[in-house]
Amino acid sequence: MSSESPKERLPFEPAKKNKKKPKAPLETQEQATEDTKQPATKTEAMAIPDVVSKRMIRRMGIFCGIPTALGILIFFASYLAVSKGGIPLPTSAVVILSMGFFGLGVLGLSYGLLSASWDEASPGSKLGWEEFSINFGRMRAAWRTAKPKS
């Protein structure tokens, strides 16, 4: 992945400034898609490959699931500490700590999505920092091109 540049276009990434082609009759379109085994619609052509989407979901589950589970566990642990252990915990400390873990879970969703390798052939690294910087660069470049010029 390190040799990949942020400017390289992915197979499911839309091409920039597509010029519209005149529509062919329906029979010709169906025959062309059957002959070339290409996706019939633009939406299918832009779909994220199954391998990549499963990789994204797995990473999002890990990077979001662990902090969220810890945020929920804080409530149970504080309840047990107060009721069974007799440890006086301020309610605000429990809320702030659990909200911090929930916030990490939200950030984990974004990081899990962007840290997954978007290349079908390459699984990427365990933490995905290199993939994150590449994918975040792609996303920023897309924002810049989509930004209306005033």
N, C-alpha and C. Protein backbone atom coordinates (compact mmCIF):
# COMPACT_ATOMS: atom_id res chain seq x y z
N MET A 1 0.82 -1.20 0.00
CA MET A 1 0.00 0.00 0.00
C MET A 1 0.86 1.26 0.00
N SER A 2 2.09 1.18 0.49
CA SER A 2 2.88 2.39 0.64
C SER A 2 3.26 2.99 -0.71
N SER A 3 3.28 2.15 -1.77
CA SER A 3 3.61 2.69 -3.08
C SER A 3 2.41 3.35 -3.74
N GLU A 4 1.22 3.19 -3.16
CA GLU A 4 0.02 3.75 -3.75
C GLU A 4 -0.07 5.24 -3.43
N SER A 5 -0.37 6.02 -4.44
CA SER A 5 -0.48 7.46 -4.22
C SER A 5 -1.94 7.83 -3.96
N PRO A 6 -2.20 8.92 -3.25
CA PRO A 6 -3.57 9.32 -2.97
C PRO A 6 -4.33 9.70 -4.23
N LYS A 7 -3.63 9.99 -5.32
CA LYS A 7 -4.30 10.41 -6.54
C LYS A 7 -4.79 9.22 -7.37
N GLU A 8 -4.34 7.98 -7.04
CA GLU A 8 -4.72 6.81 -7.81
C GLU A 8 -6.21 6.54 -7.62
N ARG A 9 -6.91 6.26 -8.73
CA ARG A 9 -8.34 6.03 -8.70
C ARG A 9 -8.64 4.57 -8.42
N LEU A 10 -9.59 4.31 -7.52
CA LEU A 10 -9.99 2.96 -7.18
C LEU A 10 -11.01 2.46 -8.20
N PRO A 11 -11.19 1.13 -8.30
CA PRO A 11 -12.15 0.60 -9.27
C PRO A 11 -13.58 1.06 -9.02
N PHE A 12 -13.96 1.26 -7.74
CA PHE A 12 -15.33 1.66 -7.44
C PHE A 12 -15.48 3.16 -7.25
N GLU A 13 -14.40 3.91 -7.43
CA GLU A 13 -14.44 5.36 -7.29
C GLU A 13 -14.95 5.97 -8.59
N PRO A 14 -15.88 6.92 -8.52
CA PRO A 14 -16.41 7.51 -9.75
C PRO A 14 -15.34 8.31 -10.49
N ALA A 15 -15.42 8.26 -11.80
CA ALA A 15 -14.49 9.04 -12.61
C ALA A 15 -14.87 10.51 -12.52
N LYS A 16 -13.90 11.39 -12.66
CA LYS A 16 -14.15 12.81 -12.58
C LYS A 16 -14.64 13.34 -13.92
N LYS A 17 -15.61 14.24 -13.84
CA LYS A 17 -16.12 14.94 -15.01
C LYS A 17 -16.50 13.98 -16.13
N ASN A 18 -17.38 13.05 -15.82
CA ASN A 18 -17.85 12.13 -16.86
C ASN A 18 -18.70 12.89 -17.87
N LYS A 19 -18.40 12.68 -19.13
CA LYS A 19 -19.24 13.26 -20.17
C LYS A 19 -20.34 12.26 -20.46
N LYS A 20 -21.55 12.77 -20.59
CA LYS A 20 -22.67 11.89 -20.81
C LYS A 20 -22.64 11.36 -22.24
N LYS A 21 -22.87 10.04 -22.33
CA LYS A 21 -22.93 9.40 -23.63
C LYS A 21 -24.39 9.32 -24.04
N PRO A 22 -24.66 9.41 -25.32
CA PRO A 22 -26.06 9.26 -25.73
C PRO A 22 -26.54 7.85 -25.40
N LYS A 23 -27.79 7.77 -24.96
CA LYS A 23 -28.34 6.49 -24.56
C LYS A 23 -28.64 5.65 -25.80
N ALA A 24 -28.22 4.38 -25.70
CA ALA A 24 -28.52 3.43 -26.77
C ALA A 24 -29.88 2.83 -26.50
N PRO A 25 -30.50 2.24 -27.50
CA PRO A 25 -31.78 1.56 -27.26
C PRO A 25 -31.60 0.48 -26.19
N LEU A 26 -32.69 0.13 -25.51
CA LEU A 26 -32.64 -0.80 -24.40
C LEU A 26 -32.09 -2.15 -24.81
N GLU A 27 -32.47 -2.66 -25.99
CA GLU A 27 -31.97 -3.97 -26.41
C GLU A 27 -30.45 -3.94 -26.56
N THR A 28 -29.91 -2.85 -27.07
CA THR A 28 -28.47 -2.74 -27.27
C THR A 28 -27.75 -2.69 -25.93
N GLN A 29 -28.31 -1.99 -24.95
CA GLN A 29 -27.70 -1.91 -23.62
C GLN A 29 -27.67 -3.28 -22.96
N GLU A 30 -28.79 -4.02 -23.03
CA GLU A 30 -28.84 -5.34 -22.41
C GLU A 30 -27.84 -6.28 -23.06
N GLN A 31 -27.76 -6.22 -24.39
CA GLN A 31 -26.83 -7.09 -25.10
C GLN A 31 -25.39 -6.73 -24.75
N ALA A 32 -25.09 -5.45 -24.63
CA ALA A 32 -23.73 -5.02 -24.32
C ALA A 32 -23.32 -5.48 -22.93
N THR A 33 -24.23 -5.37 -21.97
CA THR A 33 -23.87 -5.79 -20.61
C THR A 33 -23.73 -7.30 -20.51
N GLU A 34 -24.53 -8.06 -21.27
CA GLU A 34 -24.38 -9.50 -21.26
C GLU A 34 -23.07 -9.92 -21.91
N ASP A 35 -22.71 -9.25 -23.00
CA ASP A 35 -21.49 -9.60 -23.72
C ASP A 35 -20.24 -9.28 -22.93
N THR A 36 -20.19 -8.12 -22.30
CA THR A 36 -18.98 -7.67 -21.62
C THR A 36 -18.94 -8.03 -20.14
N LYS A 37 -20.06 -8.56 -19.61
CA LYS A 37 -20.16 -8.89 -18.19
C LYS A 37 -19.87 -7.68 -17.31
N GLN A 38 -20.22 -6.50 -17.76
CA GLN A 38 -20.05 -5.27 -17.00
C GLN A 38 -21.34 -5.00 -16.23
N PRO A 39 -21.26 -4.25 -15.15
CA PRO A 39 -22.48 -3.90 -14.42
C PRO A 39 -23.43 -3.11 -15.31
N ALA A 40 -24.72 -3.37 -15.13
CA ALA A 40 -25.73 -2.77 -15.99
C ALA A 40 -25.96 -1.30 -15.68
N THR A 41 -25.76 -0.89 -14.45
CA THR A 41 -26.03 0.49 -14.08
C THR A 41 -24.79 1.14 -13.51
N LYS A 42 -24.85 2.45 -13.45
CA LYS A 42 -23.73 3.21 -12.89
C LYS A 42 -23.60 2.93 -11.40
N THR A 43 -24.72 2.69 -10.73
CA THR A 43 -24.70 2.40 -9.30
C THR A 43 -23.95 1.10 -9.03
N GLU A 44 -24.18 0.09 -9.85
CA GLU A 44 -23.47 -1.18 -9.67
C GLU A 44 -21.99 -1.01 -9.95
N ALA A 45 -21.63 -0.15 -10.88
CA ALA A 45 -20.22 0.07 -11.20
C ALA A 45 -19.52 0.79 -10.06
N MET A 46 -20.25 1.61 -9.31
CA MET A 46 -19.65 2.37 -8.21
C MET A 46 -19.75 1.65 -6.88
N ALA A 47 -20.35 0.47 -6.84
CA ALA A 47 -20.53 -0.26 -5.59
C ALA A 47 -19.19 -0.67 -5.00
N ILE A 48 -19.11 -0.65 -3.69
CA ILE A 48 -17.90 -1.07 -3.00
C ILE A 48 -17.83 -2.59 -3.08
N PRO A 49 -16.68 -3.14 -3.46
CA PRO A 49 -16.56 -4.60 -3.54
C PRO A 49 -16.85 -5.27 -2.20
N ASP A 50 -17.37 -6.48 -2.26
CA ASP A 50 -17.79 -7.21 -1.07
C ASP A 50 -16.63 -7.41 -0.09
N VAL A 51 -15.45 -7.73 -0.60
CA VAL A 51 -14.29 -7.96 0.27
C VAL A 51 -13.95 -6.69 1.05
N VAL A 52 -14.00 -5.56 0.38
CA VAL A 52 -13.66 -4.28 1.01
C VAL A 52 -14.73 -3.90 2.03
N SER A 53 -16.00 -4.08 1.69
CA SER A 53 -17.05 -3.71 2.64
C SER A 53 -17.01 -4.58 3.89
N LYS A 54 -16.71 -5.87 3.75
CA LYS A 54 -16.60 -6.73 4.93
C LYS A 54 -15.41 -6.31 5.79
N ARG A 55 -14.33 -5.91 5.15
CA ARG A 55 -13.15 -5.44 5.88
C ARG A 55 -13.50 -4.16 6.65
N MET A 56 -14.26 -3.26 6.03
CA MET A 56 -14.66 -2.01 6.69
C MET A 56 -15.56 -2.31 7.89
N ILE A 57 -16.52 -3.21 7.70
CA ILE A 57 -17.46 -3.54 8.77
C ILE A 57 -16.73 -4.18 9.95
N ARG A 58 -15.79 -5.07 9.66
CA ARG A 58 -15.04 -5.73 10.73
C ARG A 58 -14.24 -4.70 11.55
N ARG A 59 -13.58 -3.78 10.85
CA ARG A 59 -12.79 -2.76 11.55
C ARG A 59 -13.68 -1.80 12.33
N MET A 60 -14.82 -1.43 11.74
CA MET A 60 -15.74 -0.54 12.45
C MET A 60 -16.29 -1.22 13.69
N GLY A 61 -16.56 -2.52 13.60
CA GLY A 61 -17.05 -3.26 14.77
C GLY A 61 -16.03 -3.29 15.89
N ILE A 62 -14.76 -3.46 15.53
CA ILE A 62 -13.72 -3.50 16.55
C ILE A 62 -13.48 -2.12 17.15
N PHE A 63 -13.24 -1.12 16.28
CA PHE A 63 -12.87 0.21 16.78
C PHE A 63 -14.05 0.95 17.40
N CYS A 64 -15.27 0.55 17.09
CA CYS A 64 -16.44 1.18 17.72
C CYS A 64 -16.98 0.31 18.85
N GLY A 65 -16.96 -1.00 18.64
CA GLY A 65 -17.56 -1.91 19.60
C GLY A 65 -16.87 -1.95 20.95
N ILE A 66 -15.55 -1.96 20.94
CA ILE A 66 -14.81 -2.04 22.20
C ILE A 66 -15.04 -0.81 23.08
N PRO A 67 -14.88 0.43 22.56
CA PRO A 67 -15.16 1.59 23.43
C PRO A 67 -16.62 1.69 23.86
N THR A 68 -17.54 1.30 22.99
CA THR A 68 -18.96 1.36 23.34
C THR A 68 -19.27 0.35 24.44
N ALA A 69 -18.71 -0.85 24.32
CA ALA A 69 -18.91 -1.86 25.36
C ALA A 69 -18.31 -1.39 26.69
N LEU A 70 -17.17 -0.74 26.66
CA LEU A 70 -16.57 -0.20 27.88
C LEU A 70 -17.44 0.91 28.47
N GLY A 71 -18.05 1.73 27.60
CA GLY A 71 -18.96 2.77 28.09
C GLY A 71 -20.15 2.20 28.82
N ILE A 72 -20.69 1.10 28.31
CA ILE A 72 -21.82 0.44 28.97
C ILE A 72 -21.34 -0.24 30.26
N LEU A 73 -20.17 -0.86 30.20
CA LEU A 73 -19.62 -1.55 31.36
C LEU A 73 -19.38 -0.59 32.53
N ILE A 74 -19.07 0.66 32.22
CA ILE A 74 -18.85 1.67 33.27
C ILE A 74 -20.10 1.81 34.15
N PHE A 75 -21.28 1.80 33.52
CA PHE A 75 -22.52 1.93 34.29
C PHE A 75 -22.68 0.75 35.26
N PHE A 76 -22.46 -0.46 34.76
CA PHE A 76 -22.62 -1.63 35.62
C PHE A 76 -21.56 -1.68 36.72
N ALA A 77 -20.33 -1.36 36.36
CA ALA A 77 -19.24 -1.38 37.34
C ALA A 77 -19.46 -0.32 38.42
N SER A 78 -19.92 0.85 38.03
CA SER A 78 -20.17 1.90 39.03
C SER A 78 -21.35 1.53 39.93
N TYR A 79 -22.35 0.89 39.37
CA TYR A 79 -23.48 0.44 40.18
C TYR A 79 -23.02 -0.56 41.22
N LEU A 80 -22.21 -1.53 40.79
CA LEU A 80 -21.70 -2.53 41.74
C LEU A 80 -20.78 -1.90 42.78
N ALA A 81 -19.97 -0.94 42.36
CA ALA A 81 -19.04 -0.29 43.29
C ALA A 81 -19.81 0.50 44.35
N VAL A 82 -20.88 1.15 43.95
CA VAL A 82 -21.65 1.95 44.90
C VAL A 82 -22.53 1.07 45.78
N SER A 83 -23.26 0.12 45.18
CA SER A 83 -24.23 -0.67 45.95
C SER A 83 -23.58 -1.79 46.76
N LYS A 84 -22.63 -2.49 46.20
CA LYS A 84 -22.04 -3.64 46.90
C LYS A 84 -20.72 -3.29 47.61
N GLY A 85 -19.95 -2.41 47.01
CA GLY A 85 -18.64 -2.09 47.58
C GLY A 85 -18.65 -0.93 48.53
N GLY A 86 -19.69 -0.15 48.53
CA GLY A 86 -19.77 0.99 49.41
C GLY A 86 -18.84 2.13 49.02
N ILE A 87 -18.39 2.14 47.79
CA ILE A 87 -17.50 3.20 47.32
C ILE A 87 -18.36 4.35 46.78
N PRO A 88 -18.26 5.52 47.39
CA PRO A 88 -19.08 6.64 46.90
C PRO A 88 -18.46 7.23 45.63
N LEU A 89 -19.15 7.06 44.52
CA LEU A 89 -18.70 7.64 43.24
C LEU A 89 -19.62 8.78 42.86
N PRO A 90 -19.06 9.91 42.46
CA PRO A 90 -19.93 10.99 42.00
C PRO A 90 -20.60 10.60 40.68
N THR A 91 -21.85 10.92 40.59
CA THR A 91 -22.62 10.60 39.38
C THR A 91 -22.02 11.26 38.16
N SER A 92 -21.55 12.48 38.31
CA SER A 92 -20.98 13.20 37.17
C SER A 92 -19.73 12.49 36.63
N ALA A 93 -18.93 11.88 37.51
CA ALA A 93 -17.73 11.17 37.06
C ALA A 93 -18.12 9.95 36.22
N VAL A 94 -19.16 9.24 36.64
CA VAL A 94 -19.63 8.07 35.89
C VAL A 94 -20.14 8.50 34.52
N VAL A 95 -20.92 9.57 34.49
CA VAL A 95 -21.48 10.04 33.22
C VAL A 95 -20.38 10.53 32.29
N ILE A 96 -19.44 11.30 32.81
CA ILE A 96 -18.35 11.83 31.97
C ILE A 96 -17.49 10.70 31.43
N LEU A 97 -17.18 9.72 32.27
CA LEU A 97 -16.35 8.60 31.82
C LEU A 97 -17.06 7.76 30.77
N SER A 98 -18.32 7.47 30.99
CA SER A 98 -19.06 6.66 30.01
C SER A 98 -19.27 7.44 28.71
N MET A 99 -19.54 8.74 28.80
CA MET A 99 -19.70 9.54 27.58
C MET A 99 -18.39 9.64 26.82
N GLY A 100 -17.27 9.65 27.54
CA GLY A 100 -15.98 9.64 26.87
C GLY A 100 -15.78 8.37 26.06
N PHE A 101 -16.17 7.23 26.62
CA PHE A 101 -16.05 5.98 25.88
C PHE A 101 -17.03 5.94 24.71
N PHE A 102 -18.24 6.47 24.89
CA PHE A 102 -19.18 6.53 23.76
C PHE A 102 -18.65 7.44 22.66
N GLY A 103 -18.01 8.54 23.04
CA GLY A 103 -17.40 9.42 22.04
C GLY A 103 -16.27 8.72 21.29
N LEU A 104 -15.47 7.93 22.01
CA LEU A 104 -14.43 7.14 21.34
C LEU A 104 -15.05 6.13 20.37
N GLY A 105 -16.21 5.61 20.74
CA GLY A 105 -16.91 4.68 19.84
C GLY A 105 -17.33 5.35 18.55
N VAL A 106 -17.80 6.59 18.65
CA VAL A 106 -18.20 7.33 17.45
C VAL A 106 -16.97 7.61 16.57
N LEU A 107 -15.88 8.02 17.20
CA LEU A 107 -14.64 8.22 16.44
C LEU A 107 -14.15 6.90 15.84
N GLY A 108 -14.36 5.81 16.56
CA GLY A 108 -13.97 4.50 16.07
C GLY A 108 -14.70 4.09 14.82
N LEU A 109 -15.95 4.53 14.68
CA LEU A 109 -16.68 4.26 13.43
C LEU A 109 -15.96 4.87 12.25
N SER A 110 -15.61 6.13 12.36
CA SER A 110 -14.93 6.82 11.26
C SER A 110 -13.55 6.23 11.02
N TYR A 111 -12.82 5.98 12.09
CA TYR A 111 -11.48 5.44 11.92
C TYR A 111 -11.53 4.03 11.33
N GLY A 112 -12.50 3.23 11.75
CA GLY A 112 -12.63 1.88 11.20
C GLY A 112 -12.92 1.90 9.72
N LEU A 113 -13.73 2.83 9.29
CA LEU A 113 -14.05 2.95 7.86
C LEU A 113 -12.84 3.41 7.07
N LEU A 114 -12.14 4.41 7.56
CA LEU A 114 -11.03 4.98 6.80
C LEU A 114 -9.72 4.20 6.97
N SER A 115 -9.61 3.36 7.99
CA SER A 115 -8.35 2.62 8.19
C SER A 115 -8.35 1.30 7.44
N ALA A 116 -9.47 0.92 6.86
CA ALA A 116 -9.52 -0.31 6.07
C ALA A 116 -8.90 -0.06 4.71
N SER A 117 -8.21 -1.06 4.20
CA SER A 117 -7.62 -0.94 2.87
C SER A 117 -8.73 -0.99 1.84
N TRP A 118 -8.78 -0.01 0.96
CA TRP A 118 -9.81 0.03 -0.07
C TRP A 118 -9.38 -0.72 -1.32
N ASP A 119 -8.22 -1.33 -1.28
CA ASP A 119 -7.72 -2.14 -2.37
C ASP A 119 -8.18 -3.58 -2.13
N GLU A 120 -8.83 -4.19 -3.11
CA GLU A 120 -9.35 -5.54 -2.92
C GLU A 120 -8.26 -6.56 -2.64
N ALA A 121 -7.10 -6.41 -3.27
CA ALA A 121 -6.04 -7.41 -3.16
C ALA A 121 -5.24 -7.28 -1.87
N SER A 122 -5.19 -6.12 -1.27
CA SER A 122 -4.36 -5.90 -0.10
C SER A 122 -5.21 -5.79 1.17
N PRO A 123 -4.96 -6.65 2.17
CA PRO A 123 -5.74 -6.57 3.41
C PRO A 123 -5.36 -5.39 4.29
N GLY A 124 -4.17 -4.83 4.11
CA GLY A 124 -3.74 -3.70 4.93
C GLY A 124 -3.11 -4.16 6.24
N SER A 125 -2.70 -3.20 7.05
CA SER A 125 -2.05 -3.52 8.31
C SER A 125 -3.07 -3.69 9.43
N LYS A 126 -2.61 -4.13 10.59
CA LYS A 126 -3.52 -4.38 11.71
C LYS A 126 -4.20 -3.12 12.23
N LEU A 127 -3.42 -2.08 12.49
CA LEU A 127 -4.00 -0.83 12.99
C LEU A 127 -4.48 0.07 11.86
N GLY A 128 -3.88 -0.04 10.69
CA GLY A 128 -4.36 0.69 9.52
C GLY A 128 -4.02 2.16 9.47
N TRP A 129 -2.97 2.60 10.16
CA TRP A 129 -2.65 4.03 10.15
C TRP A 129 -2.25 4.50 8.75
N GLU A 130 -1.48 3.68 8.03
CA GLU A 130 -1.05 4.04 6.68
C GLU A 130 -2.25 4.15 5.74
N GLU A 131 -3.17 3.19 5.85
CA GLU A 131 -4.38 3.22 5.02
C GLU A 131 -5.26 4.42 5.39
N PHE A 132 -5.31 4.73 6.69
CA PHE A 132 -6.10 5.88 7.14
C PHE A 132 -5.60 7.16 6.48
N SER A 133 -4.27 7.37 6.49
CA SER A 133 -3.74 8.61 5.91
C SER A 133 -3.99 8.67 4.40
N ILE A 134 -3.90 7.54 3.72
CA ILE A 134 -4.18 7.52 2.28
C ILE A 134 -5.65 7.81 2.01
N ASN A 135 -6.53 7.10 2.73
CA ASN A 135 -7.97 7.25 2.50
C ASN A 135 -8.49 8.62 2.94
N PHE A 136 -7.92 9.16 4.02
CA PHE A 136 -8.33 10.49 4.45
C PHE A 136 -7.89 11.53 3.42
N GLY A 137 -6.71 11.33 2.83
CA GLY A 137 -6.25 12.23 1.75
C GLY A 137 -7.17 12.16 0.55
N ARG A 138 -7.63 10.97 0.21
CA ARG A 138 -8.60 10.81 -0.91
C ARG A 138 -9.89 11.55 -0.60
N MET A 139 -10.35 11.41 0.65
CA MET A 139 -11.61 12.03 1.03
C MET A 139 -11.49 13.55 1.00
N ARG A 140 -10.37 14.09 1.50
CA ARG A 140 -10.17 15.55 1.45
C ARG A 140 -10.09 16.05 0.01
N ALA A 141 -9.43 15.28 -0.86
CA ALA A 141 -9.35 15.68 -2.27
C ALA A 141 -10.74 15.68 -2.91
N ALA A 142 -11.57 14.72 -2.55
CA ALA A 142 -12.93 14.68 -3.07
C ALA A 142 -13.75 15.86 -2.57
N TRP A 143 -13.54 16.25 -1.29
CA TRP A 143 -14.24 17.42 -0.75
C TRP A 143 -13.84 18.67 -1.50
N ARG A 144 -12.56 18.79 -1.78
CA ARG A 144 -12.06 19.99 -2.49
C ARG A 144 -12.64 20.09 -3.89
N THR A 145 -12.71 18.98 -4.59
CA THR A 145 -13.25 19.02 -5.95
C THR A 145 -14.76 19.24 -5.95
N ALA A 146 -15.44 18.77 -4.92
CA ALA A 146 -16.89 18.95 -4.85
C ALA A 146 -17.30 20.32 -4.34
N LYS A 147 -16.36 21.02 -3.75
CA LYS A 147 -16.65 22.34 -3.18
C LYS A 147 -17.00 23.33 -4.30
N PRO A 148 -18.12 24.03 -4.18
CA PRO A 148 -18.48 24.99 -5.23
C PRO A 148 -17.50 26.18 -5.22
N LYS A 149 -17.11 26.56 -6.42
CA LYS A 149 -16.19 27.70 -6.53
C LYS A 149 -16.99 28.99 -6.54
N SER A 150 -16.58 29.91 -5.69
CA SER A 150 -17.34 31.17 -5.61
C SER A 150 -16.52 32.33 -6.11
